Amino acid sequence: MAGPLKRTTNLTGLAVAQNPRQTLISLYNKVLSAVGDLPEETGYRRHTEEITKNRLQIVESETNTELIEQKINCGQVEELIVQAEKELNLVDKMKEWQPWQPLAEDAPADQWKWP
């Protein structure tokens, strides 16, 4: 392919990706690798793996970026790249925060009570 098939994303500040399919495959594999370091029983890991594996399968099976966009149905490939980059950053934050750990102290008795 000589270059991108579209000239613009029509989204301010978001340039057209030169190799969106390869970029997505790389990012999704990085997310899966990073999330694999989290405890298996965490909901975040289970759901992130499920969504990322599904998206990776779509990207690997399709060469047409328009079909990738339609099947994933979460924006243009450039937006999917941004989403994957942000997910990769979030995985690092989750490792740092460890929200699956028990609370440092018990929550107040009526914390979850609604009037």
PDB file of N, CA and C in Angstrom:
ATOM      1  N   MET A   1       0.846  -1.162   0.000  1.00  0.00           N
ATOM      2  CA  MET A   1       0.000   0.000   0.000  1.00  0.00           C
ATOM      3  C   MET A   1       0.901   1.237   0.000  1.00  0.00           C
ATOM      4  N   ALA A   2       0.602   2.210  -0.836  1.00  0.00           N
ATOM      5  CA  ALA A   2       1.445   3.381  -1.001  1.00  0.00           C
ATOM      6  C   ALA A   2       1.306   4.367   0.146  1.00  0.00           C
ATOM      7  N   GLY A   3       0.180   4.405   0.794  1.00  0.00           N
ATOM      8  CA  GLY A   3      -0.031   5.345   1.883  1.00  0.00           C
ATOM      9  C   GLY A   3      -1.423   5.189   2.445  1.00  0.00           C
ATOM     10  N   PRO A   4      -1.795   6.074   3.358  1.00  0.00           N
ATOM     11  CA  PRO A   4      -3.119   5.963   3.955  1.00  0.00           C
ATOM     12  C   PRO A   4      -4.220   6.185   2.917  1.00  0.00           C
ATOM     13  N   LEU A   5      -5.330   5.504   3.109  1.00  0.00           N
ATOM     14  CA  LEU A   5      -6.432   5.627   2.162  1.00  0.00           C
ATOM     15  C   LEU A   5      -7.270   6.865   2.432  1.00  0.00           C
ATOM     16  N   LYS A   6      -7.160   7.423   3.608  1.00  0.00           N
ATOM     17  CA  LYS A   6      -7.915   8.632   3.915  1.00  0.00           C
ATOM     18  C   LYS A   6      -6.944   9.755   4.247  1.00  0.00           C
ATOM     19  N   ARG A   7      -7.393  10.972   4.000  1.00  0.00           N
ATOM     20  CA  ARG A   7      -6.533  12.131   4.207  1.00  0.00           C
ATOM     21  C   ARG A   7      -6.627  12.663   5.634  1.00  0.00           C
ATOM     22  N   THR A   8      -7.766  12.471   6.259  1.00  0.00           N
ATOM     23  CA  THR A   8      -7.989  13.030   7.590  1.00  0.00           C
ATOM     24  C   THR A   8      -8.948  12.151   8.377  1.00  0.00           C
ATOM     25  N   THR A   9      -8.849  12.267   9.691  1.00  0.00           N
ATOM     26  CA  THR A   9      -9.803  11.564  10.556  1.00  0.00           C
ATOM     27  C   THR A   9     -11.025  12.431  10.819  1.00  0.00           C
ATOM     28  N   ASN A  10     -10.918  13.700  10.468  1.00  0.00           N
ATOM     29  CA  ASN A  10     -11.948  14.707  10.775  1.00  0.00           C
ATOM     30  C   ASN A  10     -12.114  14.906  12.277  1.00  0.00           C
ATOM     31  N   LEU A  11     -11.103  14.521  13.035  1.00  0.00           N
ATOM     32  CA  LEU A  11     -11.078  14.740  14.475  1.00  0.00           C
ATOM     33  C   LEU A  11      -9.873  15.622  14.785  1.00  0.00           C
ATOM     34  N   THR A  12     -10.112  16.764  15.364  1.00  0.00           N
ATOM     35  CA  THR A  12      -9.041  17.710  15.645  1.00  0.00           C
ATOM     36  C   THR A  12      -7.955  17.066  16.491  1.00  0.00           C
ATOM     37  N   GLY A  13      -6.720  17.177  16.043  1.00  0.00           N
ATOM     38  CA  GLY A  13      -5.574  16.673  16.784  1.00  0.00           C
ATOM     39  C   GLY A  13      -5.301  15.196  16.619  1.00  0.00           C
ATOM     40  N   LEU A  14      -6.098  14.495  15.832  1.00  0.00           N
ATOM     41  CA  LEU A  14      -5.890  13.053  15.643  1.00  0.00           C
ATOM     42  C   LEU A  14      -5.515  12.788  14.185  1.00  0.00           C
ATOM     43  N   ALA A  15      -4.231  12.531  13.978  1.00  0.00           N
ATOM     44  CA  ALA A  15      -3.715  12.311  12.619  1.00  0.00           C
ATOM     45  C   ALA A  15      -4.082  10.922  12.113  1.00  0.00           C
ATOM     46  N   VAL A  16      -4.056  10.778  10.813  1.00  0.00           N
ATOM     47  CA  VAL A  16      -4.310   9.483  10.179  1.00  0.00           C
ATOM     48  C   VAL A  16      -3.143   8.552  10.496  1.00  0.00           C
ATOM     49  N   ALA A  17      -3.452   7.355  10.953  1.00  0.00           N
ATOM     50  CA  ALA A  17      -2.422   6.358  11.267  1.00  0.00           C
ATOM     51  C   ALA A  17      -1.863   5.779   9.974  1.00  0.00           C
ATOM     52  N   GLN A  18      -0.539   5.637   9.917  1.00  0.00           N
ATOM     53  CA  GLN A  18       0.106   5.111   8.712  1.00  0.00           C
ATOM     54  C   GLN A  18      -0.035   3.590   8.596  1.00  0.00           C
ATOM     55  N   ASN A  19       0.098   2.878   9.715  1.00  0.00           N
ATOM     56  CA  ASN A  19      -0.022   1.416   9.739  1.00  0.00           C
ATOM     57  C   ASN A  19      -0.936   1.007  10.900  1.00  0.00           C
ATOM     58  N   PRO A  20      -2.216   1.320  10.803  1.00  0.00           N
ATOM     59  CA  PRO A  20      -3.101   1.107  11.955  1.00  0.00           C
ATOM     60  C   PRO A  20      -3.245  -0.356  12.373  1.00  0.00           C
ATOM     61  N   ARG A  21      -3.287  -1.253  11.419  1.00  0.00           N
ATOM     62  CA  ARG A  21      -3.479  -2.665  11.747  1.00  0.00           C
ATOM     63  C   ARG A  21      -2.298  -3.203  12.540  1.00  0.00           C
ATOM     64  N   GLN A  22      -1.087  -2.941  12.082  1.00  0.00           N
ATOM     65  CA  GLN A  22       0.106  -3.410  12.773  1.00  0.00           C
ATOM     66  C   GLN A  22       0.226  -2.752  14.154  1.00  0.00           C
ATOM     67  N   THR A  23      -0.113  -1.470  14.222  1.00  0.00           N
ATOM     68  CA  THR A  23      -0.055  -0.745  15.494  1.00  0.00           C
ATOM     69  C   THR A  23      -1.026  -1.349  16.496  1.00  0.00           C
ATOM     70  N   LEU A  24      -2.241  -1.638  16.043  1.00  0.00           N
ATOM     71  CA  LEU A  24      -3.244  -2.235  16.934  1.00  0.00           C
ATOM     72  C   LEU A  24      -2.826  -3.624  17.396  1.00  0.00           C
ATOM     73  N   ILE A  25      -2.316  -4.431  16.500  1.00  0.00           N
ATOM     74  CA  ILE A  25      -1.869  -5.780  16.877  1.00  0.00           C
ATOM     75  C   ILE A  25      -0.787  -5.683  17.949  1.00  0.00           C
ATOM     76  N   SER A  26       0.160  -4.795  17.746  1.00  0.00           N
ATOM     77  CA  SER A  26       1.238  -4.612  18.714  1.00  0.00           C
ATOM     78  C   SER A  26       0.703  -4.143  20.066  1.00  0.00           C
ATOM     79  N   LEU A  27      -0.153  -3.135  20.048  1.00  0.00           N
ATOM     80  CA  LEU A  27      -0.700  -2.601  21.300  1.00  0.00           C
ATOM     81  C   LEU A  27      -1.557  -3.632  22.032  1.00  0.00           C
ATOM     82  N   TYR A  28      -2.405  -4.352  21.298  1.00  0.00           N
ATOM     83  CA  TYR A  28      -3.263  -5.349  21.945  1.00  0.00           C
ATOM     84  C   TYR A  28      -2.423  -6.468  22.566  1.00  0.00           C
ATOM     85  N   ASN A  29      -1.357  -6.866  21.909  1.00  0.00           N
ATOM     86  CA  ASN A  29      -0.473  -7.884  22.488  1.00  0.00           C
ATOM     87  C   ASN A  29       0.231  -7.359  23.735  1.00  0.00           C
ATOM     88  N   LYS A  30       0.615  -6.092  23.724  1.00  0.00           N
ATOM     89  CA  LYS A  30       1.232  -5.486  24.910  1.00  0.00           C
ATOM     90  C   LYS A  30       0.246  -5.422  26.066  1.00  0.00           C
ATOM     91  N   VAL A  31      -1.000  -5.068  25.785  1.00  0.00           N
ATOM     92  CA  VAL A  31      -2.028  -5.017  26.833  1.00  0.00           C
ATOM     93  C   VAL A  31      -2.231  -6.406  27.418  1.00  0.00           C
ATOM     94  N   LEU A  32      -2.346  -7.412  26.564  1.00  0.00           N
ATOM     95  CA  LEU A  32      -2.553  -8.778  27.056  1.00  0.00           C
ATOM     96  C   LEU A  32      -1.375  -9.256  27.898  1.00  0.00           C
ATOM     97  N   SER A  33      -0.184  -8.917  27.482  1.00  0.00           N
ATOM     98  CA  SER A  33       0.999  -9.291  28.246  1.00  0.00           C
ATOM     99  C   SER A  33       1.019  -8.597  29.607  1.00  0.00           C
ATOM    100  N   ALA A  34       0.719  -7.305  29.610  1.00  0.00           N
ATOM    101  CA  ALA A  34       0.746  -6.531  30.860  1.00  0.00           C
ATOM    102  C   ALA A  34      -0.363  -6.956  31.815  1.00  0.00           C
ATOM    103  N   VAL A  35      -1.546  -7.188  31.293  1.00  0.00           N
ATOM    104  CA  VAL A  35      -2.668  -7.555  32.160  1.00  0.00           C
ATOM    105  C   VAL A  35      -2.495  -8.975  32.700  1.00  0.00           C
ATOM    106  N   GLY A  36      -1.686  -9.775  32.029  1.00  0.00           N
ATOM    107  CA  GLY A  36      -1.403 -11.127  32.493  1.00  0.00           C
ATOM    108  C   GLY A  36      -0.649 -11.165  33.806  1.00  0.00           C
ATOM    109  N   ASP A  37      -0.041 -10.043  34.182  1.00  0.00           N
ATOM    110  CA  ASP A  37       0.677  -9.955  35.463  1.00  0.00           C
ATOM    111  C   ASP A  37      -0.251  -9.725  36.646  1.00  0.00           C
ATOM    112  N   LEU A  38      -1.508  -9.395  36.380  1.00  0.00           N
ATOM    113  CA  LEU A  38      -2.469  -9.147  37.459  1.00  0.00           C
ATOM    114  C   LEU A  38      -3.050 -10.474  37.952  1.00  0.00           C
ATOM    115  N   PRO A  39      -3.541 -10.507  39.186  1.00  0.00           N
ATOM    116  CA  PRO A  39      -4.166 -11.744  39.689  1.00  0.00           C
ATOM    117  C   PRO A  39      -5.331 -12.188  38.795  1.00  0.00           C
ATOM    118  N   GLU A  40      -5.416 -13.481  38.557  1.00  0.00           N
ATOM    119  CA  GLU A  40      -6.435 -14.018  37.645  1.00  0.00           C
ATOM    120  C   GLU A  40      -7.864 -13.759  38.094  1.00  0.00           C
ATOM    121  N   GLU A  41      -8.095 -13.666  39.396  1.00  0.00           N
ATOM    122  CA  GLU A  41      -9.461 -13.528  39.885  1.00  0.00           C
ATOM    123  C   GLU A  41     -10.003 -12.106  39.806  1.00  0.00           C
ATOM    124  N   THR A  42      -9.169 -11.136  39.414  1.00  0.00           N
ATOM    125  CA  THR A  42      -9.649  -9.760  39.375  1.00  0.00           C
ATOM    126  C   THR A  42     -10.562  -9.544  38.183  1.00  0.00           C
ATOM    127  N   GLY A  43     -11.630  -8.826  38.425  1.00  0.00           N
ATOM    128  CA  GLY A  43     -12.582  -8.518  37.365  1.00  0.00           C
ATOM    129  C   GLY A  43     -11.949  -7.699  36.257  1.00  0.00           C
ATOM    130  N   TYR A  44     -11.107  -6.762  36.632  1.00  0.00           N
ATOM    131  CA  TYR A  44     -10.451  -5.920  35.624  1.00  0.00           C
ATOM    132  C   TYR A  44      -9.653  -6.786  34.649  1.00  0.00           C
ATOM    133  N   ARG A  45      -8.900  -7.743  35.161  1.00  0.00           N
ATOM    134  CA  ARG A  45      -8.101  -8.602  34.278  1.00  0.00           C
ATOM    135  C   ARG A  45      -9.007  -9.431  33.366  1.00  0.00           C
ATOM    136  N   ARG A  46     -10.016 -10.057  33.947  1.00  0.00           N
ATOM    137  CA  ARG A  46     -10.905 -10.919  33.150  1.00  0.00           C
ATOM    138  C   ARG A  46     -11.563 -10.144  32.011  1.00  0.00           C
ATOM    139  N   HIS A  47     -12.117  -8.976  32.332  1.00  0.00           N
ATOM    140  CA  HIS A  47     -12.849  -8.210  31.322  1.00  0.00           C
ATOM    141  C   HIS A  47     -11.918  -7.579  30.299  1.00  0.00           C
ATOM    142  N   THR A  48     -10.770  -7.099  30.745  1.00  0.00           N
ATOM    143  CA  THR A  48      -9.809  -6.504  29.818  1.00  0.00           C
ATOM    144  C   THR A  48      -9.272  -7.557  28.853  1.00  0.00           C
ATOM    145  N   GLU A  49      -8.952  -8.740  29.363  1.00  0.00           N
ATOM    146  CA  GLU A  49      -8.494  -9.822  28.484  1.00  0.00           C
ATOM    147  C   GLU A  49      -9.563 -10.195  27.469  1.00  0.00           C
ATOM    148  N   GLU A  50     -10.799 -10.303  27.909  1.00  0.00           N
ATOM    149  CA  GLU A  50     -11.886 -10.699  27.013  1.00  0.00           C
ATOM    150  C   GLU A  50     -12.060  -9.687  25.876  1.00  0.00           C
ATOM    151  N   ILE A  51     -12.121  -8.414  26.231  1.00  0.00           N
ATOM    152  CA  ILE A  51     -12.313  -7.377  25.220  1.00  0.00           C
ATOM    153  C   ILE A  51     -11.105  -7.299  24.292  1.00  0.00           C
ATOM    154  N   THR A  52      -9.913  -7.333  24.849  1.00  0.00           N
ATOM    155  CA  THR A  52      -8.696  -7.189  24.052  1.00  0.00           C
ATOM    156  C   THR A  52      -8.503  -8.389  23.131  1.00  0.00           C
ATOM    157  N   LYS A  53      -8.747  -9.597  23.625  1.00  0.00           N
ATOM    158  CA  LYS A  53      -8.624 -10.786  22.770  1.00  0.00           C
ATOM    159  C   LYS A  53      -9.611 -10.732  21.620  1.00  0.00           C
ATOM    160  N   ASN A  54     -10.833 -10.280  21.900  1.00  0.00           N
ATOM    161  CA  ASN A  54     -11.845 -10.157  20.854  1.00  0.00           C
ATOM    162  C   ASN A  54     -11.400  -9.157  19.790  1.00  0.00           C
ATOM    163  N   ARG A  55     -10.923  -8.011  20.232  1.00  0.00           N
ATOM    164  CA  ARG A  55     -10.466  -6.994  19.287  1.00  0.00           C
ATOM    165  C   ARG A  55      -9.246  -7.472  18.501  1.00  0.00           C
ATOM    166  N   LEU A  56      -8.324  -8.131  19.163  1.00  0.00           N
ATOM    167  CA  LEU A  56      -7.137  -8.642  18.488  1.00  0.00           C
ATOM    168  C   LEU A  56      -7.519  -9.655  17.415  1.00  0.00           C
ATOM    169  N   GLN A  57      -8.454 -10.518  17.716  1.00  0.00           N
ATOM    170  CA  GLN A  57      -8.904 -11.519  16.740  1.00  0.00           C
ATOM    171  C   GLN A  57      -9.494 -10.831  15.513  1.00  0.00           C
ATOM    172  N   ILE A  58     -10.267  -9.775  15.738  1.00  0.00           N
ATOM    173  CA  ILE A  58     -10.853  -9.035  14.610  1.00  0.00           C
ATOM    174  C   ILE A  58      -9.767  -8.392  13.764  1.00  0.00           C
ATOM    175  N   VAL A  59      -8.824  -7.725  14.414  1.00  0.00           N
ATOM    176  CA  VAL A  59      -7.751  -7.026  13.691  1.00  0.00           C
ATOM    177  C   VAL A  59      -6.868  -8.007  12.936  1.00  0.00           C
ATOM    178  N   GLU A  60      -6.582  -9.159  13.526  1.00  0.00           N
ATOM    179  CA  GLU A  60      -5.750 -10.159  12.849  1.00  0.00           C
ATOM    180  C   GLU A  60      -6.465 -10.809  11.672  1.00  0.00           C
ATOM    181  N   SER A  61      -7.783 -10.920  11.750  1.00  0.00           N
ATOM    182  CA  SER A  61      -8.518 -11.604  10.687  1.00  0.00           C
ATOM    183  C   SER A  61      -8.936 -10.681   9.550  1.00  0.00           C
ATOM    184  N   GLU A  62      -8.890  -9.383   9.757  1.00  0.00           N
ATOM    185  CA  GLU A  62      -9.289  -8.416   8.731  1.00  0.00           C
ATOM    186  C   GLU A  62      -8.104  -7.591   8.282  1.00  0.00           C
ATOM    187  N   THR A  63      -8.027  -7.317   6.983  1.00  0.00           N
ATOM    188  CA  THR A  63      -6.990  -6.423   6.479  1.00  0.00           C
ATOM    189  C   THR A  63      -7.558  -5.050   6.131  1.00  0.00           C
ATOM    190  N   ASN A  64      -8.849  -4.971   5.962  1.00  0.00           N
ATOM    191  CA  ASN A  64      -9.524  -3.727   5.603  1.00  0.00           C
ATOM    192  C   ASN A  64      -9.827  -2.937   6.876  1.00  0.00           C
ATOM    193  N   THR A  65      -9.285  -1.725   6.961  1.00  0.00           N
ATOM    194  CA  THR A  65      -9.486  -0.931   8.185  1.00  0.00           C
ATOM    195  C   THR A  65     -10.943  -0.531   8.389  1.00  0.00           C
ATOM    196  N   GLU A  66     -11.675  -0.333   7.309  1.00  0.00           N
ATOM    197  CA  GLU A  66     -13.092   0.009   7.454  1.00  0.00           C
ATOM    198  C   GLU A  66     -13.867  -1.147   8.089  1.00  0.00           C
ATOM    199  N   LEU A  67     -13.553  -2.367   7.704  1.00  0.00           N
ATOM    200  CA  LEU A  67     -14.215  -3.530   8.305  1.00  0.00           C
ATOM    201  C   LEU A  67     -13.813  -3.689   9.773  1.00  0.00           C
ATOM    202  N   ILE A  68     -12.559  -3.400  10.093  1.00  0.00           N
ATOM    203  CA  ILE A  68     -12.107  -3.449  11.491  1.00  0.00           C
ATOM    204  C   ILE A  68     -12.924  -2.456  12.314  1.00  0.00           C
ATOM    205  N   GLU A  69     -13.066  -1.240  11.789  1.00  0.00           N
ATOM    206  CA  GLU A  69     -13.844  -0.215  12.491  1.00  0.00           C
ATOM    207  C   GLU A  69     -15.295  -0.644  12.686  1.00  0.00           C
ATOM    208  N   GLN A  70     -15.884  -1.231  11.653  1.00  0.00           N
ATOM    209  CA  GLN A  70     -17.284  -1.670  11.739  1.00  0.00           C
ATOM    210  C   GLN A  70     -17.463  -2.807  12.742  1.00  0.00           C
ATOM    211  N   LYS A  71     -16.572  -3.775  12.716  1.00  0.00           N
ATOM    212  CA  LYS A  71     -16.724  -4.944  13.587  1.00  0.00           C
ATOM    213  C   LYS A  71     -16.460  -4.607  15.055  1.00  0.00           C
ATOM    214  N   ILE A  72     -15.468  -3.765  15.326  1.00  0.00           N
ATOM    215  CA  ILE A  72     -15.192  -3.391  16.715  1.00  0.00           C
ATOM    216  C   ILE A  72     -16.209  -2.366  17.191  1.00  0.00           C
ATOM    217  N   ASN A  73     -16.631  -1.477  16.286  1.00  0.00           N
ATOM    218  CA  ASN A  73     -17.707  -0.523  16.552  1.00  0.00           C
ATOM    219  C   ASN A  73     -17.424   0.401  17.747  1.00  0.00           C
ATOM    220  N   CYS A  74     -16.184   0.905  17.801  1.00  0.00           N
ATOM    221  CA  CYS A  74     -15.823   1.853  18.866  1.00  0.00           C
ATOM    222  C   CYS A  74     -15.021   3.017  18.302  1.00  0.00           C
ATOM    223  N   GLY A  75     -15.302   3.393  17.069  1.00  0.00           N
ATOM    224  CA  GLY A  75     -14.630   4.530  16.465  1.00  0.00           C
ATOM    225  C   GLY A  75     -13.710   4.136  15.335  1.00  0.00           C
ATOM    226  N   GLN A  76     -12.972   5.146  14.849  1.00  0.00           N
ATOM    227  CA  GLN A  76     -12.012   4.937  13.782  1.00  0.00           C
ATOM    228  C   GLN A  76     -10.790   4.200  14.338  1.00  0.00           C
ATOM    229  N   VAL A  77      -9.993   3.615  13.447  1.00  0.00           N
ATOM    230  CA  VAL A  77      -8.817   2.876  13.905  1.00  0.00           C
ATOM    231  C   VAL A  77      -7.879   3.772  14.707  1.00  0.00           C
ATOM    232  N   GLU A  78      -7.814   5.036  14.357  1.00  0.00           N
ATOM    233  CA  GLU A  78      -6.969   5.965  15.112  1.00  0.00           C
ATOM    234  C   GLU A  78      -7.476   6.123  16.541  1.00  0.00           C
ATOM    235  N   GLU A  79      -8.783   6.127  16.707  1.00  0.00           N
ATOM    236  CA  GLU A  79      -9.365   6.187  18.050  1.00  0.00           C
ATOM    237  C   GLU A  79      -9.117   4.883  18.809  1.00  0.00           C
ATOM    238  N   LEU A  80      -9.159   3.768  18.093  1.00  0.00           N
ATOM    239  CA  LEU A  80      -8.863   2.478  18.721  1.00  0.00           C
ATOM    240  C   LEU A  80      -7.417   2.427  19.205  1.00  0.00           C
ATOM    241  N   ILE A  81      -6.523   3.038  18.455  1.00  0.00           N
ATOM    242  CA  ILE A  81      -5.117   3.102  18.867  1.00  0.00           C
ATOM    243  C   ILE A  81      -4.986   3.904  20.153  1.00  0.00           C
ATOM    244  N   VAL A  82      -5.664   5.044  20.213  1.00  0.00           N
ATOM    245  CA  VAL A  82      -5.631   5.870  21.432  1.00  0.00           C
ATOM    246  C   VAL A  82      -6.210   5.088  22.607  1.00  0.00           C
ATOM    247  N   GLN A  83      -7.323   4.386  22.385  1.00  0.00           N
ATOM    248  CA  GLN A  83      -7.942   3.590  23.447  1.00  0.00           C
ATOM    249  C   GLN A  83      -6.975   2.517  23.953  1.00  0.00           C
ATOM    250  N   ALA A  84      -6.299   1.833  23.042  1.00  0.00           N
ATOM    251  CA  ALA A  84      -5.370   0.774  23.433  1.00  0.00           C
ATOM    252  C   ALA A  84      -4.180   1.346  24.199  1.00  0.00           C
ATOM    253  N   GLU A  85      -3.683   2.505  23.783  1.00  0.00           N
ATOM    254  CA  GLU A  85      -2.582   3.148  24.505  1.00  0.00           C
ATOM    255  C   GLU A  85      -3.007   3.522  25.918  1.00  0.00           C
ATOM    256  N   LYS A  86      -4.223   4.035  26.049  1.00  0.00           N
ATOM    257  CA  LYS A  86      -4.723   4.413  27.372  1.00  0.00           C
ATOM    258  C   LYS A  86      -4.966   3.184  28.246  1.00  0.00           C
ATOM    259  N   GLU A  87      -5.410   2.096  27.644  1.00  0.00           N
ATOM    260  CA  GLU A  87      -5.604   0.858  28.405  1.00  0.00           C
ATOM    261  C   GLU A  87      -4.269   0.344  28.918  1.00  0.00           C
ATOM    262  N   LEU A  88      -3.247   0.426  28.100  1.00  0.00           N
ATOM    263  CA  LEU A  88      -1.915   0.004  28.511  1.00  0.00           C
ATOM    264  C   LEU A  88      -1.421   0.835  29.690  1.00  0.00           C
ATOM    265  N   ASN A  89      -1.673   2.129  29.655  1.00  0.00           N
ATOM    266  CA  ASN A  89      -1.322   2.994  30.792  1.00  0.00           C
ATOM    267  C   ASN A  89      -2.136   2.637  32.031  1.00  0.00           C
ATOM    268  N   LEU A  90      -3.418   2.312  31.833  1.00  0.00           N
ATOM    269  CA  LEU A  90      -4.274   1.965  32.964  1.00  0.00           C
ATOM    270  C   LEU A  90      -3.820   0.664  33.628  1.00  0.00           C
ATOM    271  N   VAL A  91      -3.365  -0.287  32.837  1.00  0.00           N
ATOM    272  CA  VAL A  91      -2.872  -1.544  33.413  1.00  0.00           C
ATOM    273  C   VAL A  91      -1.722  -1.257  34.374  1.00  0.00           C
ATOM    274  N   ASP A  92      -0.820  -0.369  33.977  1.00  0.00           N
ATOM    275  CA  ASP A  92       0.291   0.000  34.860  1.00  0.00           C
ATOM    276  C   ASP A  92      -0.211   0.657  36.138  1.00  0.00           C
ATOM    277  N   LYS A  93      -1.220   1.503  36.012  1.00  0.00           N
ATOM    278  CA  LYS A  93      -1.792   2.147  37.200  1.00  0.00           C
ATOM    279  C   LYS A  93      -2.473   1.121  38.107  1.00  0.00           C
ATOM    280  N   MET A  94      -3.167   0.156  37.497  1.00  0.00           N
ATOM    281  CA  MET A  94      -3.834  -0.875  38.297  1.00  0.00           C
ATOM    282  C   MET A  94      -2.817  -1.706  39.068  1.00  0.00           C
ATOM    283  N   LYS A  95      -1.670  -1.984  38.443  1.00  0.00           N
ATOM    284  CA  LYS A  95      -0.607  -2.703  39.149  1.00  0.00           C
ATOM    285  C   LYS A  95      -0.141  -1.901  40.360  1.00  0.00           C
ATOM    286  N   GLU A  96      -0.052  -0.601  40.186  1.00  0.00           N
ATOM    287  CA  GLU A  96       0.387   0.282  41.266  1.00  0.00           C
ATOM    288  C   GLU A  96      -0.682   0.388  42.355  1.00  0.00           C
ATOM    289  N   TRP A  97      -1.927   0.573  41.970  1.00  0.00           N
ATOM    290  CA  TRP A  97      -3.013   0.801  42.925  1.00  0.00           C
ATOM    291  C   TRP A  97      -3.455  -0.482  43.628  1.00  0.00           C
ATOM    292  N   GLN A  98      -3.401  -1.600  42.966  1.00  0.00           N
ATOM    293  CA  GLN A  98      -3.822  -2.904  43.486  1.00  0.00           C
ATOM    294  C   GLN A  98      -5.214  -2.854  44.145  1.00  0.00           C
ATOM    295  N   PRO A  99      -6.234  -2.482  43.390  1.00  0.00           N
ATOM    296  CA  PRO A  99      -7.569  -2.352  43.976  1.00  0.00           C
ATOM    297  C   PRO A  99      -8.176  -3.676  44.448  1.00  0.00           C
ATOM    298  N   TRP A 100      -7.559  -4.793  44.102  1.00  0.00           N
ATOM    299  CA  TRP A 100      -8.053  -6.099  44.531  1.00  0.00           C
ATOM    300  C   TRP A 100      -7.622  -6.430  45.956  1.00  0.00           C
ATOM    301  N   GLN A 101      -6.719  -5.659  46.517  1.00  0.00           N
ATOM    302  CA  GLN A 101      -6.258  -5.896  47.891  1.00  0.00           C
ATOM    303  C   GLN A 101      -7.359  -5.535  48.887  1.00  0.00           C
ATOM    304  N   PRO A 102      -7.382  -6.180  50.054  1.00  0.00           N
ATOM    305  CA  PRO A 102      -8.366  -5.815  51.074  1.00  0.00           C
ATOM    306  C   PRO A 102      -8.161  -4.359  51.504  1.00  0.00           C
ATOM    307  N   LEU A 103      -9.230  -3.759  52.017  1.00  0.00           N
ATOM    308  CA  LEU A 103      -9.142  -2.386  52.505  1.00  0.00           C
ATOM    309  C   LEU A 103      -8.158  -2.305  53.663  1.00  0.00           C
ATOM    310  N   ALA A 104      -7.483  -1.176  53.787  1.00  0.00           N
ATOM    311  CA  ALA A 104      -6.523  -0.980  54.877  1.00  0.00           C
ATOM    312  C   ALA A 104      -7.239  -0.965  56.223  1.00  0.00           C
ATOM    313  N   GLU A 105      -8.471  -0.469  56.212  1.00  0.00           N
ATOM    314  CA  GLU A 105      -9.298  -0.470  57.428  1.00  0.00           C
ATOM    315  C   GLU A 105     -10.736  -0.715  57.011  1.00  0.00           C
ATOM    316  N   ASP A 106     -11.547  -1.186  57.927  1.00  0.00           N
ATOM    317  CA  ASP A 106     -12.939  -1.482  57.599  1.00  0.00           C
ATOM    318  C   ASP A 106     -13.692  -0.213  57.211  1.00  0.00           C
ATOM    319  N   ALA A 107     -14.592  -0.367  56.272  1.00  0.00           N
ATOM    320  CA  ALA A 107     -15.429   0.755  55.848  1.00  0.00           C
ATOM    321  C   ALA A 107     -16.457   1.049  56.935  1.00  0.00           C
ATOM    322  N   PRO A 108     -16.897   2.309  57.049  1.00  0.00           N
ATOM    323  CA  PRO A 108     -17.951   2.625  58.026  1.00  0.00           C
ATOM    324  C   PRO A 108     -19.184   1.761  57.779  1.00  0.00           C
ATOM    325  N   ALA A 109     -19.889   1.436  58.839  1.00  0.00           N
ATOM    326  CA  ALA A 109     -21.025   0.513  58.765  1.00  0.00           C
ATOM    327  C   ALA A 109     -22.093   0.971  57.782  1.00  0.00           C
ATOM    328  N   ASP A 110     -22.373   2.248  57.690  1.00  0.00           N
ATOM    329  CA  ASP A 110     -23.460   2.725  56.825  1.00  0.00           C
ATOM    330  C   ASP A 110     -22.938   3.381  55.546  1.00  0.00           C
ATOM    331  N   GLN A 111     -21.747   3.038  55.152  1.00  0.00           N
ATOM    332  CA  GLN A 111     -21.155   3.658  53.955  1.00  0.00           C
ATOM    333  C   GLN A 111     -21.987   3.381  52.710  1.00  0.00           C
ATOM    334  N   TRP A 112     -22.519   2.193  52.589  1.00  0.00           N
ATOM    335  CA  TRP A 112     -23.235   1.815  51.384  1.00  0.00           C
ATOM    336  C   TRP A 112     -24.752   1.932  51.540  1.00  0.00           C
ATOM    337  N   LYS A 113     -25.189   2.515  52.626  1.00  0.00           N
ATOM    338  CA  LYS A 113     -26.622   2.674  52.885  1.00  0.00           C
ATOM    339  C   LYS A 113     -27.133   3.919  52.183  1.00  0.00           C
ATOM    340  N   TRP A 114     -28.212   3.757  51.465  1.00  0.00           N
ATOM    341  CA  TRP A 114     -28.826   4.857  50.749  1.00  0.00           C
ATOM    342  C   TRP A 114     -30.107   5.248  51.466  1.00  0.00           C
ATOM    343  N   PRO A 115     -30.309   6.551  51.618  1.00  0.00           N
ATOM    344  CA  PRO A 115     -31.496   7.001  52.387  1.00  0.00           C
ATOM    345  C   PRO A 115     -32.782   6.482  51.916  1.00  0.00           C
TER     346      PRO A 115
END
